[in-house]
Amino acid sequence: MEAYCLKCREKREMKDPTQVTMKNGKPAASGVCPVCSTKMFKIGATV
């Protein structure tokens, strides 16, 4: 799954994406950037 890395300032393939649900009930995906190991988050995505 592709997401935007805030540290690298590029779209990258998310490493180890996991399905999460936000407080308002909407789906999201959370993972790690493979280059800089920064947390990545994509709202509205399903794994």
Protein backbone atom coordinates (compact mmCIF):
# COMPACT_ATOMS: atom_id res chain seq x y z
CA MET A 1 0.00 0.00 0.00
CA GLU A 2 1.33 3.41 -0.96
CA ALA A 3 1.29 6.33 1.50
CA TYR A 4 3.02 9.69 1.89
CA CYS A 5 6.06 9.86 4.17
CA LEU A 6 6.30 13.23 5.91
CA LYS A 7 10.01 12.87 6.63
CA CYS A 8 11.08 11.79 3.11
CA ARG A 9 8.42 14.00 1.46
CA GLU A 10 7.65 11.26 -1.07
CA LYS A 11 5.03 8.60 -1.67
CA ARG A 12 6.44 5.22 -0.72
CA GLU A 13 5.25 1.67 -0.33
CA MET A 14 4.17 1.16 3.31
CA LYS A 15 6.02 -1.58 5.20
CA ASP A 16 3.91 -3.84 7.48
CA PRO A 17 0.54 -2.08 6.95
CA THR A 18 -2.07 -2.78 9.63
CA GLN A 19 -5.79 -1.99 9.57
CA VAL A 20 -6.88 0.50 12.26
CA THR A 21 -10.12 2.31 13.03
CA MET A 22 -10.06 5.98 13.96
CA LYS A 23 -12.10 7.47 16.83
CA ASN A 24 -14.84 8.55 14.43
CA GLY A 25 -15.18 4.99 13.08
CA LYS A 26 -13.52 5.54 9.70
CA PRO A 27 -11.00 2.98 8.45
CA ALA A 28 -7.29 3.77 8.13
CA ALA A 29 -3.97 2.02 7.58
CA SER A 30 -0.87 2.43 9.69
CA GLY A 31 2.65 1.31 8.81
CA VAL A 32 6.33 2.21 8.61
CA CYS A 33 8.42 3.88 5.89
CA PRO A 34 10.94 1.34 4.52
CA VAL A 35 13.63 4.03 4.02
CA CYS A 36 13.57 6.17 7.18
CA SER A 37 11.43 4.01 9.56
CA THR A 38 9.00 6.88 10.24
CA LYS A 39 5.40 6.02 11.05
CA MET A 40 3.05 6.37 8.06
CA PHE A 41 -0.73 6.77 8.16
CA LYS A 42 -3.32 6.66 5.37
CA ILE A 43 -6.92 7.66 6.09
CA GLY A 44 -9.74 5.81 4.34
CA ALA A 45 -7.58 2.87 3.31
CA THR A 46 -8.31 -0.80 3.81
CA VAL A 47 -5.59 -3.43 3.95
